[in-house]
C-alpha atoms as a PDB file:
ATOM      1  CA  MET A   1     -37.575 -30.597  45.469  1.00  0.00           C
ATOM      2  CA  HIS A   2     -37.311 -27.082  44.072  1.00  0.00           C
ATOM      3  CA  ILE A   3     -34.420 -25.952  41.816  1.00  0.00           C
ATOM      4  CA  THR A   4     -33.619 -22.240  41.760  1.00  0.00           C
ATOM      5  CA  PRO A   5     -32.619 -21.023  38.286  1.00  0.00           C
ATOM      6  CA  VAL A   6     -29.266 -19.273  38.051  1.00  0.00           C
ATOM      7  CA  PHE A   7     -30.580 -16.901  35.393  1.00  0.00           C
ATOM      8  CA  ARG A   8     -34.130 -15.784  35.581  1.00  0.00           C
ATOM      9  CA  PHE A   9     -35.470 -14.924  32.111  1.00  0.00           C
ATOM     10  CA  ARG A  10     -37.661 -11.878  31.834  1.00  0.00           C
ATOM     11  CA  SER A  11     -39.901 -11.864  28.795  1.00  0.00           C
ATOM     12  CA  TRP A  12     -39.299  -8.138  28.033  1.00  0.00           C
ATOM     13  CA  ARG A  13     -35.489  -8.541  27.905  1.00  0.00           C
ATOM     14  CA  LEU A  14     -35.405 -10.733  24.797  1.00  0.00           C
ATOM     15  CA  PRO A  15     -37.048  -8.201  22.409  1.00  0.00           C
ATOM     16  CA  LEU A  16     -34.933  -5.380  23.862  1.00  0.00           C
ATOM     17  CA  THR A  17     -31.736  -7.464  23.479  1.00  0.00           C
ATOM     18  CA  LEU A  18     -32.626  -8.315  19.867  1.00  0.00           C
ATOM     19  CA  LEU A  19     -33.388  -4.681  19.081  1.00  0.00           C
ATOM     20  CA  ALA A  20     -30.060  -3.542  20.578  1.00  0.00           C
ATOM     21  CA  ALA A  21     -28.142  -6.208  18.618  1.00  0.00           C
ATOM     22  CA  ALA A  22     -29.869  -5.237  15.357  1.00  0.00           C
ATOM     23  CA  THR A  23     -29.136  -1.561  15.971  1.00  0.00           C
ATOM     24  CA  LEU A  24     -25.470  -2.195  16.692  1.00  0.00           C
ATOM     25  CA  ALA A  25     -25.133  -4.437  13.640  1.00  0.00           C
ATOM     26  CA  ALA A  26     -26.599  -1.687  11.464  1.00  0.00           C
ATOM     27  CA  CYS A  27     -24.084   0.870  12.793  1.00  0.00           C
ATOM     28  CA  GLY A  28     -21.179  -1.359  11.812  1.00  0.00           C
ATOM     29  CA  HIS A  29     -22.446  -1.976   8.328  1.00  0.00           C
ATOM     30  CA  ASN A  30     -21.082   0.120   5.497  1.00  0.00           C
ATOM     31  CA  PRO A  31     -23.620   0.840   2.779  1.00  0.00           C
ATOM     32  CA  PRO A  32     -22.678  -0.691  -0.550  1.00  0.00           C
ATOM     33  CA  LYS A  33     -20.696   1.668  -2.717  1.00  0.00           C
ATOM     34  CA  ARG A  34     -21.780   2.341  -6.242  1.00  0.00           C
ATOM     35  CA  ALA A  35     -19.585   0.608  -8.758  1.00  0.00           C
ATOM     36  CA  ALA A  36     -17.131   3.082 -10.245  1.00  0.00           C
ATOM     37  CA  THR A  37     -16.763   3.125 -13.961  1.00  0.00           C
ATOM     38  CA  PRO A  38     -13.486   1.350 -14.605  1.00  0.00           C
ATOM     39  CA  ALA A  39     -10.861   3.478 -16.250  1.00  0.00           C
ATOM     40  CA  PRO A  40      -9.214   1.998 -19.287  1.00  0.00           C
ATOM     41  CA  ALA A  41      -6.175  -0.009 -18.344  1.00  0.00           C
ATOM     42  CA  ARG A  42      -2.869   1.619 -19.152  1.00  0.00           C
ATOM     43  CA  ASN A  43      -0.418  -0.054 -21.479  1.00  0.00           C
ATOM     44  CA  TYR A  44       2.579  -1.215 -19.461  1.00  0.00           C
ATOM     45  CA  SER A  45       5.053  -2.150 -22.130  1.00  0.00           C
ATOM     46  CA  PRO A  46       8.098  -3.942 -20.827  1.00  0.00           C
ATOM     47  CA  VAL A  47      10.913  -1.395 -20.536  1.00  0.00           C
ATOM     48  CA  ALA A  48      14.374  -2.735 -19.796  1.00  0.00           C
ATOM     49  CA  PRO A  49      16.016  -1.083 -16.794  1.00  0.00           C
ATOM     50  CA  ALA A  50      19.336   0.684 -17.435  1.00  0.00           C
ATOM     51  CA  ASP A  51      21.038  -1.685 -14.964  1.00  0.00           C
ATOM     52  CA  PRO A  52      19.186  -5.033 -15.073  1.00  0.00           C
ATOM     53  CA  ALA A  53      21.326  -6.591 -12.308  1.00  0.00           C
ATOM     54  CA  ALA A  54      20.702  -3.691  -9.914  1.00  0.00           C
ATOM     55  CA  ALA A  55      16.967  -3.692 -10.733  1.00  0.00           C
ATOM     56  CA  ALA A  56      16.769  -7.449 -10.134  1.00  0.00           C
ATOM     57  CA  SER A  57      18.456  -7.169  -6.746  1.00  0.00           C
ATOM     58  CA  VAL A  58      16.137  -4.333  -5.697  1.00  0.00           C
ATOM     59  CA  LEU A  59      13.034  -6.254  -6.796  1.00  0.00           C
ATOM     60  CA  MET A  60      14.102  -9.491  -5.160  1.00  0.00           C
ATOM     61  CA  ARG A  61      14.752  -7.734  -1.850  1.00  0.00           C
ATOM     62  CA  ALA A  62      11.522  -5.719  -1.997  1.00  0.00           C
ATOM     63  CA  LEU A  63       9.397  -8.764  -2.904  1.00  0.00           C
ATOM     64  CA  GLY A  64      11.114 -10.747  -0.155  1.00  0.00           C
ATOM     65  CA  LEU A  65       9.746  -8.206   2.342  1.00  0.00           C
ATOM     66  CA  VAL A  66       6.120  -8.734   1.323  1.00  0.00           C
ATOM     67  CA  GLY A  67       4.213  -9.555   4.490  1.00  0.00           C
ATOM     68  CA  THR A  68       6.399  -7.413   6.790  1.00  0.00           C
ATOM     69  CA  PRO A  69       4.129  -5.357   9.060  1.00  0.00           C
ATOM     70  CA  TYR A  70       3.521  -1.693   8.450  1.00  0.00           C
ATOM     71  CA  ARG A  71       4.830   0.687  11.109  1.00  0.00           C
ATOM     72  CA  TYR A  72       4.816   4.454  10.825  1.00  0.00           C
ATOM     73  CA  GLY A  73       8.451   5.609  10.833  1.00  0.00           C
ATOM     74  CA  GLY A  74       9.678   2.010  10.445  1.00  0.00           C
ATOM     75  CA  ASN A  75      12.695   1.352   8.269  1.00  0.00           C
ATOM     76  CA  THR A  76      13.894  -2.193   9.014  1.00  0.00           C
ATOM     77  CA  PRO A  77      12.367  -5.662   8.641  1.00  0.00           C
ATOM     78  CA  GLU A  78      12.567  -6.077  12.423  1.00  0.00           C
ATOM     79  CA  SER A  79      10.703  -2.835  13.231  1.00  0.00           C
ATOM     80  CA  GLY A  80       8.371  -2.881  10.213  1.00  0.00           C
ATOM     81  CA  PHE A  81       8.147  -0.332   7.411  1.00  0.00           C
ATOM     82  CA  ASP A  82       6.328   2.710   6.296  1.00  0.00           C
ATOM     83  CA  CYS A  83       6.329   3.406   2.555  1.00  0.00           C
ATOM     84  CA  SER A  84       9.468   5.524   2.348  1.00  0.00           C
ATOM     85  CA  GLY A  85      11.211   3.430   4.983  1.00  0.00           C
ATOM     86  CA  LEU A  86      10.742   0.377   2.743  1.00  0.00           C
ATOM     87  CA  VAL A  87      12.123   2.214  -0.317  1.00  0.00           C
ATOM     88  CA  THR A  88      15.165   3.663   1.469  1.00  0.00           C
ATOM     89  CA  TYR A  89      15.938   0.326   3.192  1.00  0.00           C
ATOM     90  CA  VAL A  90      15.820  -1.707  -0.031  1.00  0.00           C
ATOM     91  CA  TYR A  91      18.074   0.680  -2.011  1.00  0.00           C
ATOM     92  CA  ARG A  92      20.513   1.090   0.865  1.00  0.00           C
ATOM     93  CA  ASP A  93      20.643  -2.654   1.628  1.00  0.00           C
ATOM     94  CA  MET A  94      21.022  -3.849  -1.963  1.00  0.00           C
ATOM     95  CA  LEU A  95      22.934  -1.012  -3.668  1.00  0.00           C
ATOM     96  CA  ALA A  96      24.445   1.028  -0.803  1.00  0.00           C
ATOM     97  CA  LEU A  97      22.432   3.935  -2.206  1.00  0.00           C
ATOM     98  CA  ASN A  98      21.297   6.473   0.377  1.00  0.00           C
ATOM     99  CA  LEU A  99      18.016   8.025  -0.674  1.00  0.00           C
ATOM    100  CA  PRO A 100      16.016  10.786   1.083  1.00  0.00           C
ATOM    101  CA  ARG A 101      13.768   9.502   3.876  1.00  0.00           C
ATOM    102  CA  THR A 102      10.274  10.838   3.072  1.00  0.00           C
ATOM    103  CA  SER A 103       8.045  10.252   0.072  1.00  0.00           C
ATOM    104  CA  ARG A 104       7.949  14.015  -0.588  1.00  0.00           C
ATOM    105  CA  GLU A 105      11.776  14.231  -0.573  1.00  0.00           C
ATOM    106  CA  LEU A 106      12.016  11.142  -2.782  1.00  0.00           C
ATOM    107  CA  ALA A 107       9.664  12.727  -5.322  1.00  0.00           C
ATOM    108  CA  ALA A 108      11.874  15.805  -5.404  1.00  0.00           C
ATOM    109  CA  ILE A 109      15.138  13.986  -6.242  1.00  0.00           C
ATOM    110  CA  GLN A 110      16.774  14.833  -9.512  1.00  0.00           C
ATOM    111  CA  GLY A 111      15.999  12.579 -12.357  1.00  0.00           C
ATOM    112  CA  PRO A 112      13.614  12.327 -15.230  1.00  0.00           C
ATOM    113  CA  LYS A 113       9.913  11.972 -14.625  1.00  0.00           C
ATOM    114  CA  ILE A 114       8.718   8.776 -16.217  1.00  0.00           C
ATOM    115  CA  ALA A 115       5.460   8.346 -18.122  1.00  0.00           C
ATOM    116  CA  PRO A 116       3.362   5.372 -16.909  1.00  0.00           C
ATOM    117  CA  ASP A 117       3.852   3.500 -20.182  1.00  0.00           C
ATOM    118  CA  ARG A 118       7.652   3.864 -19.866  1.00  0.00           C
ATOM    119  CA  LEU A 119       8.104   2.503 -16.342  1.00  0.00           C
ATOM    120  CA  ALA A 120      10.988   0.094 -15.748  1.00  0.00           C
ATOM    121  CA  ALA A 121      11.577  -2.267 -12.853  1.00  0.00           C
ATOM    122  CA  GLY A 122      13.028  -0.364  -9.911  1.00  0.00           C
ATOM    123  CA  ASP A 123      11.417   2.997 -10.719  1.00  0.00           C
ATOM    124  CA  LEU A 124       9.814   4.811  -7.812  1.00  0.00           C
ATOM    125  CA  VAL A 125       6.052   5.434  -8.157  1.00  0.00           C
ATOM    126  CA  PHE A 126       4.369   8.257  -6.223  1.00  0.00           C
ATOM    127  CA  PHE A 127       0.840   8.912  -5.027  1.00  0.00           C
ATOM    128  CA  GLY A 128      -0.937  11.960  -3.608  1.00  0.00           C
ATOM    129  CA  ASN A 129      -3.166  14.756  -4.836  1.00  0.00           C
ATOM    130  CA  LYS A 130      -3.200  18.509  -5.501  1.00  0.00           C
ATOM    131  CA  GLY A 131       0.585  18.614  -5.901  1.00  0.00           C
ATOM    132  CA  ASN A 132       1.248  16.798  -2.611  1.00  0.00           C
ATOM    133  CA  VAL A 133       3.003  13.439  -2.466  1.00  0.00           C
ATOM    134  CA  TRP A 134       2.250  11.206   0.489  1.00  0.00           C
ATOM    135  CA  HIS A 135       3.055   7.674  -0.695  1.00  0.00           C
ATOM    136  CA  VAL A 136       5.783   5.870  -2.618  1.00  0.00           C
ATOM    137  CA  GLY A 137       6.404   2.354  -3.900  1.00  0.00           C
ATOM    138  CA  ILE A 138       8.830   0.411  -6.100  1.00  0.00           C
ATOM    139  CA  TYR A 139       7.661  -0.517  -9.561  1.00  0.00           C
ATOM    140  CA  VAL A 140       7.973  -4.229 -10.281  1.00  0.00           C
ATOM    141  CA  GLY A 141       6.676  -4.508 -13.827  1.00  0.00           C
ATOM    142  CA  GLU A 142       3.422  -5.274 -15.648  1.00  0.00           C
ATOM    143  CA  GLY A 143       1.705  -2.386 -13.880  1.00  0.00           C
ATOM    144  CA  ARG A 144       2.463  -3.667 -10.370  1.00  0.00           C
ATOM    145  CA  PHE A 145       4.386  -2.144  -7.456  1.00  0.00           C
ATOM    146  CA  VAL A 146       5.489  -3.202  -3.982  1.00  0.00           C
ATOM    147  CA  HIS A 147       4.818  -0.830  -1.061  1.00  0.00           C
ATOM    148  CA  ALA A 148       3.953  -0.520   2.624  1.00  0.00           C
ATOM    149  CA  PRO A 149       0.404   0.844   2.434  1.00  0.00           C
ATOM    150  CA  SER A 150      -1.045   1.686   5.857  1.00  0.00           C
ATOM    151  CA  THR A 151      -1.383   1.126   9.576  1.00  0.00           C
ATOM    152  CA  GLY A 152      -2.607  -2.386  10.298  1.00  0.00           C
ATOM    153  CA  GLY A 153      -1.393  -3.644   6.919  1.00  0.00           C
ATOM    154  CA  THR A 154       1.736  -5.300   5.614  1.00  0.00           C
ATOM    155  CA  VAL A 155       4.149  -4.734   2.748  1.00  0.00           C
ATOM    156  CA  ARG A 156       2.306  -5.940  -0.335  1.00  0.00           C
ATOM    157  CA  LEU A 157       2.123  -5.986  -4.100  1.00  0.00           C
ATOM    158  CA  ASP A 158      -0.626  -3.898  -5.751  1.00  0.00           C
ATOM    159  CA  HIS A 159      -1.614  -2.841  -9.269  1.00  0.00           C
ATOM    160  CA  LEU A 160      -1.275   0.772 -10.432  1.00  0.00           C
ATOM    161  CA  ASP A 161      -4.679   0.466 -12.080  1.00  0.00           C
ATOM    162  CA  GLY A 162      -6.429  -0.344  -8.783  1.00  0.00           C
ATOM    163  CA  ALA A 163      -9.108   2.321  -8.252  1.00  0.00           C
ATOM    164  CA  TYR A 164      -7.387   4.070  -5.350  1.00  0.00           C
ATOM    165  CA  TRP A 165      -3.855   3.975  -6.780  1.00  0.00           C
ATOM    166  CA  ARG A 166      -4.998   5.007 -10.306  1.00  0.00           C
ATOM    167  CA  ASP A 167      -6.849   8.007  -8.857  1.00  0.00           C
ATOM    168  CA  HIS A 168      -3.895   9.150  -6.704  1.00  0.00           C
ATOM    169  CA  TYR A 169      -0.959   8.405  -9.002  1.00  0.00           C
ATOM    170  CA  THR A 170       1.216  11.521  -9.332  1.00  0.00           C
ATOM    171  CA  GLY A 171       4.218  10.230 -11.240  1.00  0.00           C
ATOM    172  CA  ALA A 172       7.417   8.243 -11.137  1.00  0.00           C
ATOM    173  CA  LYS A 173      11.169   8.808 -10.932  1.00  0.00           C
ATOM    174  CA  ARG A 174      14.020   6.654 -12.229  1.00  0.00           C
ATOM    175  CA  VAL A 175      16.654   6.022  -9.611  1.00  0.00           C
ATOM    176  CA  LEU A 176      18.660   3.417 -11.499  1.00  0.00           C
ATOM    177  CA  ARG A 177      20.513   4.985 -14.433  1.00  0.00           C
END
């Protein structure tokens, strides 16, 4: 009795297959980055917000949205959030405060600029470079902020001294007075 194999192995296919797999794996591998010299951590002294009750409601709502998917142009928990959509939603929902819609417009609102060591809970923190602002978050305290970072991500809590955020920090504005 003779059994016909379903797949007939050819000896030259195995080395070619292994070579192709190794080549593809190498293309998908990012070379290790050199460790950046850590910048000295900023001092984030606790600064009491002007309206502690309003700041607490903003923070509780913002932190409650951690895990909500990012969506460009999104401004509700159901649709997802982009960075400025998160900020405008939280302030409108909790304080009936209508803020401008984009991070650039938010950075231009009237109000004092706040030094990093004078941030209070509820302050807006901005990121960009060369005078352009492209990202915003809500300061929580102890050097941390909540924000909607990027496509494929979710609303999350990050530290201002993280390498990317530290390098792109452009300032802060106080909304609660």
